[in-house]
Amino acid sequence: MEVSVYAGVTGEPDTDMVGRGLQQFQARGCNGIVALGGGSAIDTAKTISVLATNDGTVKQFMGTDNVPNPGAGVIALPTTSGTGSEATRVVVIADSNSKLKMSGRSTAYLPSVTILDYKLTMSMPRPLTAATGIDALTHAIEAYVSK
């Protein structure tokens, strides 16, 4: 098995980051993605996966249920808690030109497999661990009180 590493996620994901990742995915003949990182890395991977199997641009697949075909497949290994990207059908990607954030919602964005290993979060600084833990707690509270 050959592996190709895309380390181009340097912050909040944008269309340029996704485009560079897609180019590498296609050039290396990849057939799936292992996303290791926080919400930004996972959202980038989920978007690359969808673009790899659907003709179109990031913008075309934003909104609700605008993705006709399943993605190439993503195995998500989150290294933070809080965003929940590893467990949702949602992505948030910024337009590189306008800087506006766009969201897409489709089952095509849902990772095929998610592996939760608390050891992957052990390298985070303590303040980030606390902040992302509170973020996860607020998501749980929101889900509980919104029903």
N, C-alpha and C. Protein backbone atom coordinates (compact mmCIF):
# COMPACT_ATOMS: atom_id res chain seq x y z
N MET A 1 0.84 -1.16 0.00
CA MET A 1 0.00 0.00 0.00
C MET A 1 0.90 1.24 0.00
N GLU A 2 0.61 2.14 -0.91
CA GLU A 2 1.32 3.41 -0.95
C GLU A 2 0.56 4.45 -0.16
N VAL A 3 1.30 5.36 0.45
CA VAL A 3 0.70 6.42 1.25
C VAL A 3 1.22 7.76 0.77
N SER A 4 0.34 8.73 0.73
CA SER A 4 0.71 10.10 0.37
C SER A 4 0.23 11.01 1.49
N VAL A 5 1.11 11.85 2.01
CA VAL A 5 0.76 12.74 3.11
C VAL A 5 0.52 14.15 2.58
N TYR A 6 -0.65 14.69 2.88
CA TYR A 6 -0.96 16.09 2.56
C TYR A 6 -0.95 16.86 3.87
N ALA A 7 0.03 17.71 4.03
CA ALA A 7 0.18 18.49 5.27
C ALA A 7 -0.13 19.96 5.01
N GLY A 8 -1.04 20.21 4.09
CA GLY A 8 -1.33 21.58 3.68
C GLY A 8 -2.43 22.27 4.46
N VAL A 9 -2.95 21.64 5.51
CA VAL A 9 -3.99 22.29 6.32
C VAL A 9 -3.28 23.08 7.41
N THR A 10 -3.29 24.39 7.26
CA THR A 10 -2.52 25.24 8.17
C THR A 10 -3.39 26.12 9.05
N GLY A 11 -4.66 25.90 9.05
CA GLY A 11 -5.59 26.70 9.85
C GLY A 11 -6.99 26.40 9.38
N GLU A 12 -7.85 27.40 9.49
CA GLU A 12 -9.23 27.23 9.03
C GLU A 12 -9.20 26.82 7.55
N PRO A 13 -9.92 25.77 7.18
CA PRO A 13 -9.84 25.30 5.80
C PRO A 13 -10.48 26.26 4.81
N ASP A 14 -9.83 26.40 3.66
CA ASP A 14 -10.39 27.24 2.60
C ASP A 14 -10.31 26.50 1.27
N THR A 15 -10.89 27.11 0.26
CA THR A 15 -10.98 26.45 -1.04
C THR A 15 -9.61 26.19 -1.66
N ASP A 16 -8.63 27.04 -1.38
CA ASP A 16 -7.28 26.80 -1.91
C ASP A 16 -6.66 25.56 -1.29
N MET A 17 -6.79 25.41 0.04
CA MET A 17 -6.26 24.22 0.72
C MET A 17 -6.90 22.96 0.16
N VAL A 18 -8.21 23.01 -0.01
CA VAL A 18 -8.94 21.86 -0.55
C VAL A 18 -8.46 21.56 -1.97
N GLY A 19 -8.29 22.60 -2.78
CA GLY A 19 -7.84 22.42 -4.16
C GLY A 19 -6.47 21.77 -4.24
N ARG A 20 -5.54 22.22 -3.40
CA ARG A 20 -4.20 21.61 -3.39
C ARG A 20 -4.26 20.15 -2.93
N GLY A 21 -5.09 19.89 -1.94
CA GLY A 21 -5.25 18.51 -1.48
C GLY A 21 -5.86 17.61 -2.53
N LEU A 22 -6.84 18.14 -3.25
CA LEU A 22 -7.47 17.37 -4.33
C LEU A 22 -6.46 17.07 -5.44
N GLN A 23 -5.65 18.06 -5.79
CA GLN A 23 -4.62 17.84 -6.82
C GLN A 23 -3.69 16.70 -6.41
N GLN A 24 -3.26 16.70 -5.15
CA GLN A 24 -2.37 15.63 -4.68
C GLN A 24 -3.09 14.29 -4.68
N PHE A 25 -4.34 14.27 -4.23
CA PHE A 25 -5.14 13.04 -4.22
C PHE A 25 -5.20 12.44 -5.62
N GLN A 26 -5.49 13.27 -6.60
CA GLN A 26 -5.62 12.79 -7.98
C GLN A 26 -4.27 12.41 -8.58
N ALA A 27 -3.24 13.22 -8.35
CA ALA A 27 -1.92 12.96 -8.92
C ALA A 27 -1.32 11.66 -8.38
N ARG A 28 -1.61 11.33 -7.14
CA ARG A 28 -1.06 10.12 -6.53
C ARG A 28 -1.96 8.90 -6.71
N GLY A 29 -3.11 9.08 -7.35
CA GLY A 29 -4.01 7.96 -7.59
C GLY A 29 -4.61 7.39 -6.31
N CYS A 30 -4.90 8.26 -5.37
CA CYS A 30 -5.46 7.82 -4.09
C CYS A 30 -6.89 7.32 -4.27
N ASN A 31 -7.32 6.47 -3.35
CA ASN A 31 -8.70 5.99 -3.39
C ASN A 31 -9.43 6.18 -2.06
N GLY A 32 -8.80 6.83 -1.11
CA GLY A 32 -9.41 7.12 0.18
C GLY A 32 -8.50 8.05 0.97
N ILE A 33 -9.02 8.52 2.10
CA ILE A 33 -8.28 9.49 2.90
C ILE A 33 -8.33 9.08 4.37
N VAL A 34 -7.18 9.17 5.03
CA VAL A 34 -7.11 9.07 6.48
C VAL A 34 -6.87 10.48 6.99
N ALA A 35 -7.84 11.01 7.73
CA ALA A 35 -7.76 12.38 8.24
C ALA A 35 -7.32 12.35 9.69
N LEU A 36 -6.12 12.83 9.96
CA LEU A 36 -5.56 12.87 11.30
C LEU A 36 -5.40 14.33 11.69
N GLY A 37 -6.17 14.77 12.67
CA GLY A 37 -6.08 16.17 13.10
C GLY A 37 -7.37 16.63 13.73
N GLY A 38 -7.51 17.93 13.80
CA GLY A 38 -8.71 18.53 14.37
C GLY A 38 -9.78 18.74 13.31
N GLY A 39 -10.75 19.57 13.65
CA GLY A 39 -11.87 19.81 12.75
C GLY A 39 -11.47 20.36 11.40
N SER A 40 -10.44 21.21 11.36
CA SER A 40 -10.01 21.78 10.08
C SER A 40 -9.47 20.70 9.15
N ALA A 41 -8.62 19.83 9.68
CA ALA A 41 -8.07 18.75 8.86
C ALA A 41 -9.16 17.79 8.40
N ILE A 42 -10.09 17.49 9.29
CA ILE A 42 -11.15 16.54 8.94
C ILE A 42 -12.12 17.15 7.94
N ASP A 43 -12.50 18.43 8.11
CA ASP A 43 -13.38 19.07 7.12
C ASP A 43 -12.70 19.15 5.76
N THR A 44 -11.41 19.43 5.74
CA THR A 44 -10.67 19.46 4.48
C THR A 44 -10.70 18.09 3.81
N ALA A 45 -10.43 17.05 4.58
CA ALA A 45 -10.43 15.69 4.03
C ALA A 45 -11.80 15.29 3.50
N LYS A 46 -12.85 15.61 4.26
CA LYS A 46 -14.20 15.27 3.82
C LYS A 46 -14.55 15.97 2.51
N THR A 47 -14.11 17.21 2.37
CA THR A 47 -14.41 17.97 1.15
C THR A 47 -13.61 17.43 -0.03
N ILE A 48 -12.34 17.11 0.18
CA ILE A 48 -11.53 16.50 -0.88
C ILE A 48 -12.17 15.19 -1.33
N SER A 49 -12.63 14.40 -0.38
CA SER A 49 -13.26 13.12 -0.69
C SER A 49 -14.46 13.29 -1.61
N VAL A 50 -15.28 14.29 -1.32
CA VAL A 50 -16.47 14.55 -2.15
C VAL A 50 -16.08 15.05 -3.54
N LEU A 51 -15.11 15.96 -3.61
CA LEU A 51 -14.68 16.49 -4.91
C LEU A 51 -14.02 15.41 -5.77
N ALA A 52 -13.42 14.42 -5.13
CA ALA A 52 -12.74 13.35 -5.87
C ALA A 52 -13.72 12.46 -6.63
N THR A 53 -14.97 12.44 -6.21
CA THR A 53 -15.95 11.55 -6.84
C THR A 53 -17.12 12.29 -7.49
N ASN A 54 -17.08 13.59 -7.47
CA ASN A 54 -18.15 14.41 -8.04
C ASN A 54 -17.53 15.53 -8.87
N ASP A 55 -18.02 15.74 -10.07
CA ASP A 55 -17.53 16.84 -10.90
C ASP A 55 -18.14 18.14 -10.40
N GLY A 56 -17.28 19.11 -10.11
CA GLY A 56 -17.78 20.40 -9.66
C GLY A 56 -16.79 21.09 -8.74
N THR A 57 -17.22 22.20 -8.20
CA THR A 57 -16.38 23.00 -7.31
C THR A 57 -16.88 22.89 -5.88
N VAL A 58 -16.06 23.35 -4.95
CA VAL A 58 -16.45 23.35 -3.54
C VAL A 58 -17.79 24.07 -3.38
N LYS A 59 -17.92 25.25 -4.00
CA LYS A 59 -19.14 26.05 -3.86
C LYS A 59 -20.39 25.30 -4.31
N GLN A 60 -20.26 24.49 -5.35
CA GLN A 60 -21.42 23.75 -5.87
C GLN A 60 -21.95 22.73 -4.88
N PHE A 61 -21.11 22.26 -3.98
CA PHE A 61 -21.51 21.22 -3.05
C PHE A 61 -21.79 21.75 -1.65
N MET A 62 -21.90 23.06 -1.53
CA MET A 62 -22.30 23.67 -0.27
C MET A 62 -23.83 23.72 -0.21
N GLY A 63 -24.38 24.02 0.94
CA GLY A 63 -25.83 23.98 1.10
C GLY A 63 -26.23 22.59 1.58
N THR A 64 -27.49 22.29 1.45
CA THR A 64 -28.02 21.02 1.97
C THR A 64 -28.30 20.03 0.84
N ASP A 65 -27.72 18.85 0.99
CA ASP A 65 -27.94 17.72 0.07
C ASP A 65 -27.69 18.07 -1.39
N ASN A 66 -26.56 18.73 -1.65
CA ASN A 66 -26.18 19.09 -3.02
C ASN A 66 -25.08 18.20 -3.59
N VAL A 67 -24.81 17.07 -2.95
CA VAL A 67 -23.75 16.17 -3.42
C VAL A 67 -24.40 14.91 -3.99
N PRO A 68 -24.28 14.70 -5.32
CA PRO A 68 -24.98 13.56 -5.94
C PRO A 68 -24.38 12.19 -5.62
N ASN A 69 -23.05 12.10 -5.50
CA ASN A 69 -22.39 10.80 -5.32
C ASN A 69 -21.67 10.73 -3.98
N PRO A 70 -21.54 9.52 -3.42
CA PRO A 70 -20.77 9.38 -2.18
C PRO A 70 -19.33 9.81 -2.39
N GLY A 71 -18.67 10.21 -1.31
CA GLY A 71 -17.26 10.59 -1.38
C GLY A 71 -16.37 9.36 -1.54
N ALA A 72 -15.07 9.62 -1.64
CA ALA A 72 -14.09 8.56 -1.83
C ALA A 72 -13.87 7.73 -0.57
N GLY A 73 -14.32 8.21 0.55
CA GLY A 73 -14.15 7.49 1.81
C GLY A 73 -13.11 8.16 2.69
N VAL A 74 -13.50 8.41 3.93
CA VAL A 74 -12.61 9.06 4.89
C VAL A 74 -12.60 8.25 6.18
N ILE A 75 -11.40 7.97 6.68
CA ILE A 75 -11.22 7.44 8.02
C ILE A 75 -10.74 8.61 8.86
N ALA A 76 -11.53 9.00 9.86
CA ALA A 76 -11.21 10.17 10.67
C ALA A 76 -10.61 9.74 12.01
N LEU A 77 -9.48 10.36 12.34
CA LEU A 77 -8.83 10.16 13.63
C LEU A 77 -8.65 11.53 14.27
N PRO A 78 -9.64 11.99 15.05
CA PRO A 78 -9.54 13.33 15.62
C PRO A 78 -8.48 13.42 16.72
N THR A 79 -7.77 14.54 16.71
CA THR A 79 -6.75 14.80 17.73
C THR A 79 -7.20 15.88 18.71
N THR A 80 -8.41 16.39 18.51
CA THR A 80 -9.02 17.34 19.44
C THR A 80 -10.45 16.89 19.69
N SER A 81 -11.06 17.49 20.68
CA SER A 81 -12.49 17.27 20.89
C SER A 81 -13.18 18.60 20.67
N GLY A 82 -14.46 18.55 20.47
CA GLY A 82 -15.19 19.81 20.38
C GLY A 82 -15.86 20.07 19.05
N THR A 83 -15.15 19.95 17.94
CA THR A 83 -15.78 20.30 16.67
C THR A 83 -16.81 19.27 16.25
N GLY A 84 -16.54 18.02 16.52
CA GLY A 84 -17.46 16.96 16.13
C GLY A 84 -17.42 16.63 14.66
N SER A 85 -16.48 17.19 13.92
CA SER A 85 -16.41 16.97 12.48
C SER A 85 -16.30 15.49 12.13
N GLU A 86 -15.70 14.72 13.00
CA GLU A 86 -15.53 13.29 12.75
C GLU A 86 -16.85 12.52 12.81
N ALA A 87 -17.90 13.17 13.30
CA ALA A 87 -19.17 12.46 13.50
C ALA A 87 -20.35 13.15 12.83
N THR A 88 -20.08 14.12 11.95
CA THR A 88 -21.19 14.85 11.34
C THR A 88 -21.13 14.79 9.83
N ARG A 89 -22.25 15.17 9.23
CA ARG A 89 -22.36 15.26 7.77
C ARG A 89 -22.19 16.69 7.30
N VAL A 90 -21.49 17.49 8.10
CA VAL A 90 -21.33 18.92 7.84
C VAL A 90 -19.85 19.25 7.62
N VAL A 91 -19.60 20.17 6.69
CA VAL A 91 -18.26 20.75 6.52
C VAL A 91 -18.40 22.26 6.50
N VAL A 92 -17.34 22.94 6.94
CA VAL A 92 -17.28 24.40 6.86
C VAL A 92 -15.96 24.74 6.18
N ILE A 93 -16.06 25.40 5.03
CA ILE A 93 -14.91 25.76 4.21
C ILE A 93 -15.05 27.23 3.83
N ALA A 94 -13.97 27.99 3.97
CA ALA A 94 -13.99 29.41 3.59
C ALA A 94 -13.64 29.56 2.11
N ASP A 95 -14.28 30.51 1.46
CA ASP A 95 -13.92 30.88 0.09
C ASP A 95 -12.60 31.64 0.19
N SER A 96 -11.58 31.18 -0.51
CA SER A 96 -10.25 31.81 -0.42
C SER A 96 -10.24 33.25 -0.90
N ASN A 97 -11.13 33.59 -1.82
CA ASN A 97 -11.16 34.96 -2.35
C ASN A 97 -11.96 35.90 -1.46
N SER A 98 -13.18 35.53 -1.15
CA SER A 98 -14.05 36.43 -0.38
C SER A 98 -13.86 36.29 1.12
N LYS A 99 -13.24 35.19 1.55
CA LYS A 99 -13.04 34.86 2.97
C LYS A 99 -14.33 34.50 3.69
N LEU A 100 -15.44 34.41 2.97
CA LEU A 100 -16.71 34.02 3.57
C LEU A 100 -16.73 32.52 3.81
N LYS A 101 -17.25 32.13 4.98
CA LYS A 101 -17.36 30.71 5.29
C LYS A 101 -18.63 30.14 4.67
N MET A 102 -18.48 28.95 4.09
CA MET A 102 -19.60 28.25 3.47
C MET A 102 -19.77 26.92 4.20
N SER A 103 -21.00 26.44 4.28
CA SER A 103 -21.20 25.13 4.90
C SER A 103 -21.93 24.21 3.94
N GLY A 104 -21.56 22.96 4.01
CA GLY A 104 -22.21 21.92 3.24
C GLY A 104 -22.74 20.86 4.18
N ARG A 105 -23.92 20.34 3.86
CA ARG A 105 -24.54 19.31 4.67
C ARG A 105 -25.03 18.19 3.75
N SER A 106 -24.43 17.03 3.89
CA SER A 106 -24.80 15.88 3.06
C SER A 106 -24.24 14.62 3.71
N THR A 107 -24.94 13.51 3.54
CA THR A 107 -24.40 12.25 4.04
C THR A 107 -23.09 11.88 3.34
N ALA A 108 -22.84 12.46 2.17
CA ALA A 108 -21.58 12.21 1.46
C ALA A 108 -20.38 12.72 2.24
N TYR A 109 -20.60 13.68 3.14
CA TYR A 109 -19.51 14.23 3.96
C TYR A 109 -19.24 13.42 5.22
N LEU A 110 -20.10 12.50 5.55
CA LEU A 110 -19.94 11.72 6.77
C LEU A 110 -18.77 10.75 6.61
N PRO A 111 -17.79 10.77 7.53
CA PRO A 111 -16.68 9.82 7.41
C PRO A 111 -17.17 8.38 7.40
N SER A 112 -16.47 7.54 6.66
CA SER A 112 -16.80 6.11 6.59
C SER A 112 -16.54 5.44 7.93
N VAL A 113 -15.44 5.83 8.56
CA VAL A 113 -15.01 5.25 9.84
C VAL A 113 -14.43 6.38 10.68
N THR A 114 -14.71 6.35 11.97
CA THR A 114 -14.08 7.27 12.91
C THR A 114 -13.44 6.44 14.01
N ILE A 115 -12.19 6.73 14.30
CA ILE A 115 -11.48 6.04 15.37
C ILE A 115 -11.17 7.08 16.45
N LEU A 116 -11.78 6.89 17.62
CA LEU A 116 -11.57 7.79 18.74
C LEU A 116 -10.55 7.16 19.69
N ASP A 117 -9.41 7.79 19.82
CA ASP A 117 -8.36 7.32 20.72
C ASP A 117 -7.89 8.51 21.54
N TYR A 118 -8.21 8.51 22.82
CA TYR A 118 -7.87 9.65 23.66
C TYR A 118 -6.38 9.95 23.66
N LYS A 119 -5.55 8.96 23.38
CA LYS A 119 -4.10 9.19 23.37
C LYS A 119 -3.70 10.20 22.29
N LEU A 120 -4.50 10.30 21.23
CA LEU A 120 -4.19 11.26 20.17
C LEU A 120 -4.36 12.70 20.64
N THR A 121 -5.10 12.91 21.71
CA THR A 121 -5.31 14.28 22.23
C THR A 121 -4.28 14.66 23.29
N MET A 122 -3.43 13.74 23.68
CA MET A 122 -2.51 13.98 24.80
C MET A 122 -1.42 15.01 24.49
N SER A 123 -1.16 15.28 23.24
CA SER A 123 -0.11 16.25 22.90
C SER A 123 -0.62 17.68 22.84
N MET A 124 -1.94 17.86 22.99
CA MET A 124 -2.49 19.23 22.96
C MET A 124 -2.08 19.99 24.22
N PRO A 125 -1.84 21.29 24.09
CA PRO A 125 -1.59 22.10 25.29
C PRO A 125 -2.81 22.06 26.21
N ARG A 126 -2.59 22.16 27.51
CA ARG A 126 -3.67 22.07 28.49
C ARG A 126 -4.80 23.07 28.23
N PRO A 127 -4.50 24.34 27.91
CA PRO A 127 -5.60 25.27 27.65
C PRO A 127 -6.46 24.85 26.45
N LEU A 128 -5.84 24.30 25.42
CA LEU A 128 -6.60 23.83 24.25
C LEU A 128 -7.44 22.61 24.62
N THR A 129 -6.88 21.72 25.43
CA THR A 129 -7.64 20.57 25.90
C THR A 129 -8.88 21.02 26.65
N ALA A 130 -8.72 22.00 27.53
CA ALA A 130 -9.86 22.51 28.31
C ALA A 130 -10.88 23.17 27.39
N ALA A 131 -10.42 24.00 26.47
CA ALA A 131 -11.33 24.73 25.57
C ALA A 131 -12.12 23.78 24.68
N THR A 132 -11.45 22.78 24.11
CA THR A 132 -12.17 21.86 23.23
C THR A 132 -13.08 20.93 24.02
N GLY A 133 -12.71 20.63 25.26
CA GLY A 133 -13.59 19.84 26.12
C GLY A 133 -14.87 20.59 26.45
N ILE A 134 -14.75 21.88 26.75
CA ILE A 134 -15.93 22.71 27.01
C ILE A 134 -16.78 22.82 25.74
N ASP A 135 -16.13 22.93 24.60
CA ASP A 135 -16.86 22.98 23.32
C ASP A 135 -17.69 21.72 23.13
N ALA A 136 -17.10 20.56 23.39
CA ALA A 136 -17.83 19.30 23.27
C ALA A 136 -19.00 19.25 24.24
N LEU A 137 -18.78 19.73 25.46
CA LEU A 137 -19.86 19.75 26.46
C LEU A 137 -21.00 20.65 26.01
N THR A 138 -20.69 21.82 25.46
CA THR A 138 -21.76 22.72 25.02
C THR A 138 -22.54 22.13 23.85
N HIS A 139 -21.87 21.39 22.97
CA HIS A 139 -22.59 20.70 21.89
C HIS A 139 -23.58 19.69 22.47
N ALA A 140 -23.16 18.97 23.49
CA ALA A 140 -24.03 17.97 24.12
C ALA A 140 -25.22 18.65 24.80
N ILE A 141 -24.97 19.74 25.50
CA ILE A 141 -26.05 20.47 26.17
C ILE A 141 -27.02 21.03 25.14
N GLU A 142 -26.48 21.60 24.06
CA GLU A 142 -27.33 22.14 23.00
C GLU A 142 -28.24 21.07 22.42
N ALA A 143 -27.68 19.90 22.16
CA ALA A 143 -28.49 18.80 21.61
C ALA A 143 -29.57 18.38 22.59
N TYR A 144 -29.26 18.38 23.86
CA TYR A 144 -30.23 17.96 24.87
C TYR A 144 -31.37 18.95 25.01
N VAL A 145 -31.06 20.24 25.10
CA VAL A 145 -32.10 21.25 25.34
C VAL A 145 -32.86 21.62 24.07
N SER A 146 -32.34 21.26 22.91
CA SER A 146 -33.00 21.63 21.65
C SER A 146 -34.08 20.65 21.23
N LYS A 147 -34.23 19.56 21.93
CA LYS A 147 -35.22 18.56 21.53
C LYS A 147 -36.55 18.82 22.18
